[in-house]
C-alpha atoms as a PDB file:
ATOM      1  CA  MET A   1     -29.614  -4.157  -2.062  1.00  0.00           C
ATOM      2  CA  THR A   2     -26.933  -1.504  -2.294  1.00  0.00           C
ATOM      3  CA  ALA A   3     -28.141   1.260  -4.579  1.00  0.00           C
ATOM      4  CA  PHE A   4     -27.121   0.520  -8.152  1.00  0.00           C
ATOM      5  CA  ILE A   5     -26.865   3.140 -10.829  1.00  0.00           C
ATOM      6  CA  ARG A   6     -29.019   2.507 -13.863  1.00  0.00           C
ATOM      7  CA  GLY A   7     -30.248   5.161 -16.202  1.00  0.00           C
ATOM      8  CA  THR A   8     -32.822   6.349 -18.658  1.00  0.00           C
ATOM      9  CA  MET A   9     -31.229   7.705 -21.815  1.00  0.00           C
ATOM     10  CA  THR A  10     -32.448   9.018 -25.135  1.00  0.00           C
ATOM     11  CA  CYS A  11     -29.115   9.398 -26.922  1.00  0.00           C
ATOM     12  CA  GLY A  12     -25.776   7.620 -27.111  1.00  0.00           C
ATOM     13  CA  LEU A  13     -23.810  10.399 -25.414  1.00  0.00           C
ATOM     14  CA  LEU A  14     -25.978  10.384 -22.315  1.00  0.00           C
ATOM     15  CA  ALA A  15     -25.935   6.593 -22.221  1.00  0.00           C
ATOM     16  CA  ALA A  16     -22.142   6.609 -22.288  1.00  0.00           C
ATOM     17  CA  THR A  17     -22.027   9.190 -19.483  1.00  0.00           C
ATOM     18  CA  LEU A  18     -24.304   7.045 -17.376  1.00  0.00           C
ATOM     19  CA  ALA A  19     -22.194   3.977 -18.081  1.00  0.00           C
ATOM     20  CA  ILE A  20     -19.194   5.678 -16.456  1.00  0.00           C
ATOM     21  CA  SER A  21     -21.291   6.274 -13.331  1.00  0.00           C
ATOM     22  CA  ILE A  22     -22.411   2.646 -13.358  1.00  0.00           C
ATOM     23  CA  THR A  23     -18.826   1.456 -13.577  1.00  0.00           C
ATOM     24  CA  ALA A  24     -17.791   3.496 -10.548  1.00  0.00           C
ATOM     25  CA  ILE A  25     -20.623   2.103  -8.433  1.00  0.00           C
ATOM     26  CA  ALA A  26     -20.381  -1.443  -9.761  1.00  0.00           C
ATOM     27  CA  GLN A  27     -16.819  -1.724  -8.483  1.00  0.00           C
ATOM     28  CA  ASP A  28     -18.197  -1.474  -4.927  1.00  0.00           C
ATOM     29  CA  ALA A  29     -19.455  -5.056  -5.077  1.00  0.00           C
ATOM     30  CA  PRO A  30     -18.063  -8.170  -6.764  1.00  0.00           C
ATOM     31  CA  LYS A  31     -19.822  -9.797  -9.690  1.00  0.00           C
ATOM     32  CA  THR A  32     -20.151 -13.566  -9.926  1.00  0.00           C
ATOM     33  CA  GLN A  33     -20.887 -15.271 -13.221  1.00  0.00           C
ATOM     34  CA  ILE A  34     -23.753 -17.765 -13.007  1.00  0.00           C
ATOM     35  CA  GLU A  35     -25.511 -20.242 -15.232  1.00  0.00           C
ATOM     36  CA  ALA A  36     -28.549 -18.908 -17.043  1.00  0.00           C
ATOM     37  CA  PRO A  37     -31.597 -19.484 -14.836  1.00  0.00           C
ATOM     38  CA  GLY A  38     -34.486 -21.474 -16.183  1.00  0.00           C
ATOM     39  CA  GLU A  39     -37.062 -19.313 -17.914  1.00  0.00           C
ATOM     40  CA  PRO A  40     -39.577 -21.973 -18.979  1.00  0.00           C
ATOM     41  CA  ASN A  41     -42.415 -19.498 -19.479  1.00  0.00           C
ATOM     42  CA  ALA A  42     -40.440 -16.929 -21.467  1.00  0.00           C
ATOM     43  CA  ILE A  43     -42.094 -16.204 -24.814  1.00  0.00           C
ATOM     44  CA  PRO A  44     -39.868 -15.103 -27.728  1.00  0.00           C
ATOM     45  CA  LEU A  45     -41.033 -11.807 -29.197  1.00  0.00           C
ATOM     46  CA  ASN A  46     -39.406 -12.443 -32.596  1.00  0.00           C
ATOM     47  CA  THR A  47     -38.305  -8.829 -32.995  1.00  0.00           C
ATOM     48  CA  GLY A  48     -34.947  -9.776 -34.468  1.00  0.00           C
ATOM     49  CA  GLY A  49     -31.435  -9.606 -33.113  1.00  0.00           C
ATOM     50  CA  VAL A  50     -28.793  -6.934 -32.580  1.00  0.00           C
ATOM     51  CA  ALA A  51     -26.781  -6.123 -35.704  1.00  0.00           C
ATOM     52  CA  GLY A  52     -23.159  -7.108 -35.259  1.00  0.00           C
ATOM     53  CA  GLN A  53     -23.746  -8.802 -31.902  1.00  0.00           C
ATOM     54  CA  THR A  54     -21.445 -11.788 -31.449  1.00  0.00           C
ATOM     55  CA  ALA A  55     -21.356 -12.273 -27.671  1.00  0.00           C
ATOM     56  CA  GLN A  56     -23.683 -14.780 -26.071  1.00  0.00           C
ATOM     57  CA  GLU A  57     -26.283 -13.749 -23.513  1.00  0.00           C
ATOM     58  CA  SER A  58     -24.796 -14.264 -20.060  1.00  0.00           C
ATOM     59  CA  TRP A  59     -25.883 -13.936 -16.449  1.00  0.00           C
ATOM     60  CA  TYR A  60     -24.225 -12.908 -13.219  1.00  0.00           C
ATOM     61  CA  LYS A  61     -25.063 -11.970  -9.633  1.00  0.00           C
ATOM     62  CA  GLN A  62     -24.204  -8.780  -7.807  1.00  0.00           C
ATOM     63  CA  TRP A  63     -25.493  -7.833  -4.338  1.00  0.00           C
ATOM     64  CA  GLY A  64     -27.267 -11.201  -4.469  1.00  0.00           C
ATOM     65  CA  ASP A  65     -29.409 -10.183  -7.434  1.00  0.00           C
ATOM     66  CA  PRO A  66     -29.423 -11.761 -10.924  1.00  0.00           C
ATOM     67  CA  PHE A  67     -28.478  -9.623 -13.926  1.00  0.00           C
ATOM     68  CA  VAL A  68     -28.293 -10.461 -17.627  1.00  0.00           C
ATOM     69  CA  ARG A  69     -26.207  -8.845 -20.377  1.00  0.00           C
ATOM     70  CA  ASN A  70     -25.802  -9.155 -24.141  1.00  0.00           C
ATOM     71  CA  VAL A  71     -29.485  -9.831 -24.697  1.00  0.00           C
ATOM     72  CA  SER A  72     -29.984 -10.099 -28.444  1.00  0.00           C
ATOM     73  CA  ARG A  73     -33.349 -11.902 -28.498  1.00  0.00           C
ATOM     74  CA  ALA A  74     -36.206 -10.307 -26.608  1.00  0.00           C
ATOM     75  CA  THR A  75     -38.639 -12.340 -24.521  1.00  0.00           C
ATOM     76  CA  LEU A  76     -41.714 -11.692 -22.418  1.00  0.00           C
ATOM     77  CA  THR A  77     -42.358 -13.790 -19.302  1.00  0.00           C
ATOM     78  CA  PRO A  78     -45.934 -13.908 -17.948  1.00  0.00           C
ATOM     79  CA  PHE A  79     -46.569 -13.929 -14.206  1.00  0.00           C
ATOM     80  CA  LEU A  80     -50.260 -14.624 -13.714  1.00  0.00           C
ATOM     81  CA  PRO A  81     -52.119 -14.277 -10.405  1.00  0.00           C
ATOM     82  CA  ASP A  82     -54.334 -16.995  -9.005  1.00  0.00           C
ATOM     83  CA  ARG A  83     -57.668 -16.836 -10.791  1.00  0.00           C
ATOM     84  CA  ASP A  84     -59.509 -16.192  -7.540  1.00  0.00           C
ATOM     85  CA  LYS A  85     -57.337 -13.094  -6.997  1.00  0.00           C
ATOM     86  CA  ALA A  86     -57.174 -11.831 -10.580  1.00  0.00           C
ATOM     87  CA  ASN A  87     -58.837  -8.477 -11.197  1.00  0.00           C
ATOM     88  CA  GLY A  88     -58.100  -8.143 -14.931  1.00  0.00           C
ATOM     89  CA  ALA A  89     -55.392  -5.484 -14.698  1.00  0.00           C
ATOM     90  CA  ALA A  90     -51.975  -6.132 -16.230  1.00  0.00           C
ATOM     91  CA  VAL A  91     -48.546  -4.487 -16.171  1.00  0.00           C
ATOM     92  CA  ILE A  92     -45.668  -4.904 -18.616  1.00  0.00           C
ATOM     93  CA  ILE A  93     -42.456  -4.490 -16.579  1.00  0.00           C
ATOM     94  CA  ALA A  94     -39.213  -3.147 -18.073  1.00  0.00           C
ATOM     95  CA  PRO A  95     -36.176  -3.635 -15.791  1.00  0.00           C
ATOM     96  CA  GLY A  96     -33.311  -1.141 -15.835  1.00  0.00           C
ATOM     97  CA  GLY A  97     -29.586  -1.314 -16.440  1.00  0.00           C
ATOM     98  CA  ALA A  98     -28.392   1.606 -18.621  1.00  0.00           C
ATOM     99  CA  PHE A  99     -29.462  -0.340 -21.733  1.00  0.00           C
ATOM    100  CA  ARG A 100     -26.412  -2.614 -21.207  1.00  0.00           C
ATOM    101  CA  ILE A 101     -27.614  -4.971 -18.494  1.00  0.00           C
ATOM    102  CA  LEU A 102     -30.992  -5.882 -16.999  1.00  0.00           C
ATOM    103  CA  SER A 103     -31.732  -6.194 -13.286  1.00  0.00           C
ATOM    104  CA  MET A 104     -34.047  -9.141 -13.783  1.00  0.00           C
ATOM    105  CA  GLY A 105     -34.607  -9.996 -10.130  1.00  0.00           C
ATOM    106  CA  ASN A 106     -34.738  -6.666  -8.322  1.00  0.00           C
ATOM    107  CA  GLU A 107     -36.651  -4.803 -11.036  1.00  0.00           C
ATOM    108  CA  GLY A 108     -38.408  -7.642 -12.804  1.00  0.00           C
ATOM    109  CA  TRP A 109     -39.389 -10.920 -11.218  1.00  0.00           C
ATOM    110  CA  GLU A 110     -39.760  -9.599  -7.658  1.00  0.00           C
ATOM    111  CA  VAL A 111     -42.022  -6.765  -8.820  1.00  0.00           C
ATOM    112  CA  ALA A 112     -44.082  -9.191 -10.919  1.00  0.00           C
ATOM    113  CA  GLN A 113     -44.614 -11.456  -7.922  1.00  0.00           C
ATOM    114  CA  ALA A 114     -45.672  -8.482  -5.764  1.00  0.00           C
ATOM    115  CA  LEU A 115     -48.225  -7.488  -8.408  1.00  0.00           C
ATOM    116  CA  ASN A 116     -49.547 -11.053  -8.568  1.00  0.00           C
ATOM    117  CA  GLU A 117     -50.203 -10.952  -4.825  1.00  0.00           C
ATOM    118  CA  LYS A 118     -52.495  -7.988  -5.517  1.00  0.00           C
ATOM    119  CA  GLY A 119     -54.336  -9.782  -8.315  1.00  0.00           C
ATOM    120  CA  VAL A 120     -52.523  -8.010 -11.157  1.00  0.00           C
ATOM    121  CA  ALA A 121     -51.054  -9.938 -14.088  1.00  0.00           C
ATOM    122  CA  ALA A 122     -47.437  -9.018 -14.824  1.00  0.00           C
ATOM    123  CA  PHE A 123     -45.170  -9.519 -17.831  1.00  0.00           C
ATOM    124  CA  VAL A 124     -41.416  -9.094 -17.486  1.00  0.00           C
ATOM    125  CA  LEU A 125     -39.842  -7.750 -20.654  1.00  0.00           C
ATOM    126  CA  LYS A 126     -36.292  -8.898 -21.351  1.00  0.00           C
ATOM    127  CA  TYR A 127     -35.448  -6.396 -24.072  1.00  0.00           C
ATOM    128  CA  ARG A 128     -32.456  -6.201 -26.381  1.00  0.00           C
ATOM    129  CA  LEU A 129     -29.368  -4.420 -25.082  1.00  0.00           C
ATOM    130  CA  LEU A 130     -26.243  -2.585 -26.119  1.00  0.00           C
ATOM    131  CA  PRO A 131     -23.410  -5.126 -26.407  1.00  0.00           C
ATOM    132  CA  THR A 132     -20.850  -5.535 -23.639  1.00  0.00           C
ATOM    133  CA  ALA A 133     -17.465  -7.289 -23.685  1.00  0.00           C
ATOM    134  CA  PRO A 134     -17.752 -10.914 -24.801  1.00  0.00           C
ATOM    135  CA  LYS A 135     -15.129 -12.114 -22.305  1.00  0.00           C
ATOM    136  CA  TRP A 136     -16.235 -12.322 -18.699  1.00  0.00           C
ATOM    137  CA  ALA A 137     -12.822 -11.171 -17.425  1.00  0.00           C
ATOM    138  CA  ASP A 138     -13.121  -7.916 -19.373  1.00  0.00           C
ATOM    139  CA  PHE A 139     -16.682  -7.302 -18.252  1.00  0.00           C
ATOM    140  CA  ASP A 140     -15.850  -8.166 -14.644  1.00  0.00           C
ATOM    141  CA  GLN A 141     -13.325  -5.322 -14.574  1.00  0.00           C
ATOM    142  CA  GLY A 142     -16.038  -2.846 -15.483  1.00  0.00           C
ATOM    143  CA  ASP A 143     -14.357  -1.728 -18.705  1.00  0.00           C
ATOM    144  CA  ALA A 144     -17.210  -3.035 -20.839  1.00  0.00           C
ATOM    145  CA  LEU A 145     -19.640  -0.540 -19.370  1.00  0.00           C
ATOM    146  CA  ARG A 146     -17.255   2.320 -20.012  1.00  0.00           C
ATOM    147  CA  ALA A 147     -16.523   1.455 -23.633  1.00  0.00           C
ATOM    148  CA  PRO A 148     -18.760   2.426 -26.578  1.00  0.00           C
ATOM    149  CA  PRO A 149     -20.695  -0.311 -28.406  1.00  0.00           C
ATOM    150  CA  PRO A 150     -18.608  -2.301 -30.888  1.00  0.00           C
ATOM    151  CA  PRO A 151     -18.602  -0.901 -34.453  1.00  0.00           C
ATOM    152  CA  GLY A 152     -21.223  -2.448 -36.690  1.00  0.00           C
ATOM    153  CA  THR A 153     -23.835  -2.977 -34.018  1.00  0.00           C
ATOM    154  CA  ALA A 154     -27.237  -1.404 -34.432  1.00  0.00           C
ATOM    155  CA  ALA A 155     -26.766   0.260 -31.068  1.00  0.00           C
ATOM    156  CA  SER A 156     -23.673   2.125 -32.243  1.00  0.00           C
ATOM    157  CA  THR A 157     -25.688   4.258 -34.663  1.00  0.00           C
ATOM    158  CA  ARG A 158     -29.201   4.256 -33.181  1.00  0.00           C
ATOM    159  CA  SER A 159     -30.640   5.592 -29.967  1.00  0.00           C
ATOM    160  CA  PRO A 160     -30.138   3.008 -27.202  1.00  0.00           C
ATOM    161  CA  VAL A 161     -33.901   2.960 -26.665  1.00  0.00           C
ATOM    162  CA  ALA A 162     -34.713   2.083 -30.287  1.00  0.00           C
ATOM    163  CA  LEU A 163     -34.558  -1.700 -29.901  1.00  0.00           C
ATOM    164  CA  PRO A 164     -36.235  -1.734 -26.468  1.00  0.00           C
ATOM    165  CA  LEU A 165     -39.059   0.332 -27.970  1.00  0.00           C
ATOM    166  CA  GLU A 166     -39.583  -2.260 -30.704  1.00  0.00           C
ATOM    167  CA  ASP A 167     -39.603  -4.994 -28.069  1.00  0.00           C
ATOM    168  CA  ALA A 168     -42.085  -3.117 -25.866  1.00  0.00           C
ATOM    169  CA  THR A 169     -44.414  -2.633 -28.837  1.00  0.00           C
ATOM    170  CA  ALA A 170     -44.272  -6.353 -29.575  1.00  0.00           C
ATOM    171  CA  ALA A 171     -45.008  -7.049 -25.892  1.00  0.00           C
ATOM    172  CA  PHE A 172     -48.165  -4.919 -25.982  1.00  0.00           C
ATOM    173  CA  LYS A 173     -49.329  -6.729 -29.125  1.00  0.00           C
ATOM    174  CA  LEU A 174     -48.756 -10.128 -27.543  1.00  0.00           C
ATOM    175  CA  VAL A 175     -50.523  -9.325 -24.268  1.00  0.00           C
ATOM    176  CA  ARG A 176     -53.532  -7.875 -26.072  1.00  0.00           C
ATOM    177  CA  ALA A 177     -53.692 -10.822 -28.469  1.00  0.00           C
ATOM    178  CA  ARG A 178     -53.787 -13.293 -25.576  1.00  0.00           C
ATOM    179  CA  ALA A 179     -55.770 -11.161 -23.127  1.00  0.00           C
ATOM    180  CA  LYS A 180     -58.743 -13.509 -23.011  1.00  0.00           C
ATOM    181  CA  GLU A 181     -56.537 -16.542 -22.425  1.00  0.00           C
ATOM    182  CA  TRP A 182     -54.729 -14.743 -19.589  1.00  0.00           C
ATOM    183  CA  ASN A 183     -57.919 -13.333 -18.027  1.00  0.00           C
ATOM    184  CA  ILE A 184     -56.884  -9.741 -18.754  1.00  0.00           C
ATOM    185  CA  ASP A 185     -58.962  -6.700 -19.620  1.00  0.00           C
ATOM    186  CA  PRO A 186     -57.291  -5.314 -22.782  1.00  0.00           C
ATOM    187  CA  ASP A 187     -58.298  -1.812 -21.703  1.00  0.00           C
ATOM    188  CA  ARG A 188     -56.360  -2.091 -18.441  1.00  0.00           C
ATOM    189  CA  ILE A 189     -52.864  -2.959 -19.638  1.00  0.00           C
ATOM    190  CA  GLY A 190     -50.238  -0.568 -18.288  1.00  0.00           C
ATOM    191  CA  MET A 191     -46.459  -0.375 -18.251  1.00  0.00           C
ATOM    192  CA  MET A 192     -43.905   0.116 -15.513  1.00  0.00           C
ATOM    193  CA  GLY A 193     -40.173   0.626 -15.912  1.00  0.00           C
ATOM    194  CA  PHE A 194     -37.168   1.240 -13.710  1.00  0.00           C
ATOM    195  CA  SER A 195     -34.465   3.738 -14.719  1.00  0.00           C
ATOM    196  CA  ALA A 196     -33.543   2.721 -18.290  1.00  0.00           C
ATOM    197  CA  GLY A 197     -36.768   0.719 -18.176  1.00  0.00           C
ATOM    198  CA  ALA A 198     -38.537   3.965 -17.270  1.00  0.00           C
ATOM    199  CA  GLY A 199     -37.035   5.427 -20.434  1.00  0.00           C
ATOM    200  CA  THR A 200     -38.373   2.459 -22.375  1.00  0.00           C
ATOM    201  CA  THR A 201     -41.777   3.012 -20.783  1.00  0.00           C
ATOM    202  CA  MET A 202     -41.783   6.682 -21.794  1.00  0.00           C
ATOM    203  CA  ALA A 203     -40.726   5.815 -25.349  1.00  0.00           C
ATOM    204  CA  ALA A 204     -43.459   3.182 -25.575  1.00  0.00           C
ATOM    205  CA  THR A 205     -45.955   5.815 -24.431  1.00  0.00           C
ATOM    206  CA  LEU A 206     -44.836   8.838 -26.434  1.00  0.00           C
ATOM    207  CA  GLN A 207     -43.272   7.402 -29.592  1.00  0.00           C
ATOM    208  CA  SER A 208     -45.711   4.650 -30.545  1.00  0.00           C
ATOM    209  CA  LYS A 209     -49.328   5.037 -31.617  1.00  0.00           C
ATOM    210  CA  GLU A 210     -49.823   1.278 -31.262  1.00  0.00           C
ATOM    211  CA  ASN A 211     -49.149   0.746 -27.565  1.00  0.00           C
ATOM    212  CA  LYS A 212     -51.549   3.136 -25.791  1.00  0.00           C
ATOM    213  CA  PRO A 213     -50.958   1.912 -22.224  1.00  0.00           C
ATOM    214  CA  ALA A 214     -53.867   2.421 -19.839  1.00  0.00           C
ATOM    215  CA  PHE A 215     -51.430   3.786 -17.233  1.00  0.00           C
ATOM    216  CA  ILE A 216     -47.687   4.129 -16.797  1.00  0.00           C
ATOM    217  CA  ALA A 217     -45.268   4.083 -13.883  1.00  0.00           C
ATOM    218  CA  PRO A 218     -41.743   5.306 -14.693  1.00  0.00           C
ATOM    219  CA  ILE A 219     -39.846   4.580 -11.460  1.00  0.00           C
ATOM    220  CA  TYR A 220     -36.627   6.530 -10.773  1.00  0.00           C
ATOM    221  CA  GLY A 221     -36.318   7.592 -14.399  1.00  0.00           C
ATOM    222  CA  SER A 222     -35.383  10.830 -16.119  1.00  0.00           C
ATOM    223  CA  GLN A 223     -37.381  13.857 -14.992  1.00  0.00           C
ATOM    224  CA  LYS A 224     -36.760  15.932 -18.113  1.00  0.00           C
ATOM    225  CA  ALA A 225     -39.762  17.641 -19.673  1.00  0.00           C
ATOM    226  CA  VAL A 226     -41.433  15.977 -22.658  1.00  0.00           C
ATOM    227  CA  ASP A 227     -44.180  16.849 -25.105  1.00  0.00           C
ATOM    228  CA  VAL A 228     -47.338  15.361 -23.628  1.00  0.00           C
ATOM    229  CA  PRO A 229     -50.123  14.279 -26.022  1.00  0.00           C
ATOM    230  CA  ALA A 230     -53.727  15.137 -25.240  1.00  0.00           C
ATOM    231  CA  ASP A 231     -54.546  11.473 -24.602  1.00  0.00           C
ATOM    232  CA  ALA A 232     -51.517  10.680 -22.415  1.00  0.00           C
ATOM    233  CA  PRO A 233     -52.286   7.996 -19.820  1.00  0.00           C
ATOM    234  CA  PRO A 234     -52.349   8.555 -16.065  1.00  0.00           C
ATOM    235  CA  MET A 235     -48.786   8.508 -14.737  1.00  0.00           C
ATOM    236  CA  PHE A 236     -47.330   7.447 -11.382  1.00  0.00           C
ATOM    237  CA  VAL A 237     -43.740   8.480 -10.601  1.00  0.00           C
ATOM    238  CA  ALA A 238     -41.554   7.477  -7.650  1.00  0.00           C
ATOM    239  CA  LEU A 239     -38.092   8.925  -7.033  1.00  0.00           C
ATOM    240  CA  ALA A 240     -35.720   9.283  -4.087  1.00  0.00           C
ATOM    241  CA  ALA A 241     -34.488  12.769  -3.212  1.00  0.00           C
ATOM    242  CA  ASP A 242     -30.961  11.377  -2.898  1.00  0.00           C
ATOM    243  CA  ASP A 243     -31.015   9.737  -6.353  1.00  0.00           C
ATOM    244  CA  PRO A 244     -27.637  10.794  -7.813  1.00  0.00           C
ATOM    245  CA  LEU A 245     -28.894  10.736 -11.400  1.00  0.00           C
ATOM    246  CA  PHE A 246     -32.382  12.166 -11.597  1.00  0.00           C
ATOM    247  CA  ALA A 247     -33.208  14.006  -8.374  1.00  0.00           C
ATOM    248  CA  ASN A 248     -31.187  17.145  -9.101  1.00  0.00           C
ATOM    249  CA  ASN A 249     -33.405  18.979 -11.563  1.00  0.00           C
ATOM    250  CA  GLU A 250     -36.716  20.811 -11.769  1.00  0.00           C
ATOM    251  CA  TYR A 251     -38.891  17.732 -12.364  1.00  0.00           C
ATOM    252  CA  GLY A 252     -39.988  18.881 -15.789  1.00  0.00           C
ATOM    253  CA  LEU A 253     -41.682  15.561 -16.531  1.00  0.00           C
ATOM    254  CA  ILE A 254     -44.160  16.120 -13.725  1.00  0.00           C
ATOM    255  CA  SER A 255     -44.821  19.708 -14.748  1.00  0.00           C
ATOM    256  CA  ALA A 256     -45.314  18.680 -18.372  1.00  0.00           C
ATOM    257  CA  TRP A 257     -47.957  16.099 -17.448  1.00  0.00           C
ATOM    258  CA  LYS A 258     -49.676  18.524 -15.103  1.00  0.00           C
ATOM    259  CA  ASN A 259     -49.623  21.412 -17.590  1.00  0.00           C
ATOM    260  CA  ALA A 260     -51.165  19.135 -20.218  1.00  0.00           C
ATOM    261  CA  GLY A 261     -54.052  18.465 -17.854  1.00  0.00           C
ATOM    262  CA  ARG A 262     -53.263  14.762 -17.603  1.00  0.00           C
ATOM    263  CA  PRO A 263     -53.472  12.753 -14.348  1.00  0.00           C
ATOM    264  CA  VAL A 264     -50.128  12.502 -12.540  1.00  0.00           C
ATOM    265  CA  GLU A 265     -49.024  11.378  -9.097  1.00  0.00           C
ATOM    266  CA  PHE A 266     -45.469  12.077  -7.927  1.00  0.00           C
ATOM    267  CA  HIS A 267     -43.781  10.656  -4.826  1.00  0.00           C
ATOM    268  CA  LEU A 268     -40.407  12.173  -3.955  1.00  0.00           C
ATOM    269  CA  TYR A 269     -39.050  10.066  -1.121  1.00  0.00           C
ATOM    270  CA  GLN A 270     -36.465  11.305   1.348  1.00  0.00           C
ATOM    271  CA  ASN A 271     -34.015   8.496   0.662  1.00  0.00           C
ATOM    272  CA  GLY A 272     -33.429   5.331  -1.268  1.00  0.00           C
ATOM    273  CA  GLY A 273     -30.803   6.320  -3.817  1.00  0.00           C
ATOM    274  CA  HIS A 274     -31.123   4.765  -7.250  1.00  0.00           C
ATOM    275  CA  GLY A 275     -32.076   1.219  -8.162  1.00  0.00           C
ATOM    276  CA  PHE A 276     -34.049   0.426  -5.016  1.00  0.00           C
ATOM    277  CA  GLY A 277     -36.594  -1.865  -6.721  1.00  0.00           C
ATOM    278  CA  LEU A 278     -39.401  -2.599  -4.281  1.00  0.00           C
ATOM    279  CA  GLY A 279     -37.380  -0.798  -1.617  1.00  0.00           C
ATOM    280  CA  ASN A 280     -34.557  -1.268   0.861  1.00  0.00           C
ATOM    281  CA  PRO A 281     -35.038  -1.643   4.635  1.00  0.00           C
ATOM    282  CA  GLY A 282     -34.757   1.617   6.538  1.00  0.00           C
ATOM    283  CA  LYS A 283     -35.443   3.810   3.487  1.00  0.00           C
ATOM    284  CA  THR A 284     -38.626   5.803   3.002  1.00  0.00           C
ATOM    285  CA  SER A 285     -38.790   4.820  -0.680  1.00  0.00           C
ATOM    286  CA  THR A 286     -39.932   1.376   0.474  1.00  0.00           C
ATOM    287  CA  GLY A 287     -43.401   2.911   0.629  1.00  0.00           C
ATOM    288  CA  TRP A 288     -43.828   3.431  -3.097  1.00  0.00           C
ATOM    289  CA  PHE A 289     -45.391   0.077  -4.018  1.00  0.00           C
ATOM    290  CA  PRO A 290     -48.355   0.284  -1.596  1.00  0.00           C
ATOM    291  CA  GLN A 291     -48.935   3.836  -2.838  1.00  0.00           C
ATOM    292  CA  PHE A 292     -48.855   2.608  -6.423  1.00  0.00           C
ATOM    293  CA  MET A 293     -51.489  -0.026  -5.676  1.00  0.00           C
ATOM    294  CA  LEU A 294     -53.685   2.575  -3.980  1.00  0.00           C
ATOM    295  CA  TRP A 295     -53.250   4.829  -7.029  1.00  0.00           C
ATOM    296  CA  LEU A 296     -54.320   2.015  -9.361  1.00  0.00           C
ATOM    297  CA  GLU A 297     -57.386   1.383  -7.230  1.00  0.00           C
ATOM    298  CA  MET A 298     -58.360   5.062  -7.103  1.00  0.00           C
ATOM    299  CA  ASN A 299     -58.042   5.247 -10.891  1.00  0.00           C
ATOM    300  CA  GLY A 300     -60.416   2.317 -11.375  1.00  0.00           C
ATOM    301  CA  MET A 301     -57.753  -0.092 -12.628  1.00  0.00           C
ATOM    302  CA  LEU A 302     -58.379  -2.845 -10.063  1.00  0.00           C
ATOM    303  CA  LYS A 303     -62.080  -3.370 -10.582  1.00  0.00           C
ATOM    304  CA  ALA A 304     -62.478  -7.128 -10.832  1.00  0.00           C
ATOM    305  CA  THR A 305     -63.439  -8.563 -14.194  1.00  0.00           C
ATOM    306  CA  GLU A 306     -67.048  -9.705 -14.168  1.00  0.00           C
END
């Protein structure tokens, strides 16, 4: 898939800046509105709606991949491995999309299926988003991503990660509550996110005392330094050196984890751009998923449940 710009933001100004970049790239490929795909296993998280949101959730395809926008009701979709493969580990997956759209296929379902093949349970989080233009014609022109959220929406006054953080916290509660049913070790539940989903992963790790993921994997997310708690989980990071958003800094996130004495693994790939999901043919970043699985194994996360 052509690299698609999605971002990890912690404030409205940065989110708006990223949206302009998204608009420029998004015009490179046409968008096609589609019917909402069936999500028979999606579980409502009951975290509420988006204040002032009037547009209906809608889906489209770009570069052959499904995206959703105007999500106002969060869900969590389980992807469970065959019982003879299951090892008890689980990952909550947060797709990216600048907090305005979600790349459900490239950064959600496909990753979940790859984890299932390795015996890992996966849960795709469809979290609440900043509103975009209700009319498809307006959104299709790209203007919706450039414009600020409509007045009166919760997103217009709160950090864009605030609602996703609430949804992620609810996801952790749900997975732990049903761990036995899903053949999951509650002590081996981690979280992975892509771009804005990486920002959601970091917020779920650093801003909530409830979640306590066993491990985290922010993939092509912000590399800015953070305050790292003494009990921060092991962290796996993958980024392409030609990422136009997050590869041009001093990788403070990695240094912060290392300086705090917490386990961290960082893969800076030669190429892949931004939004590569599991990887694109001919790009070195395609190697990140096998490395991630090796990292999980070396950290004792794949030991089969007895």
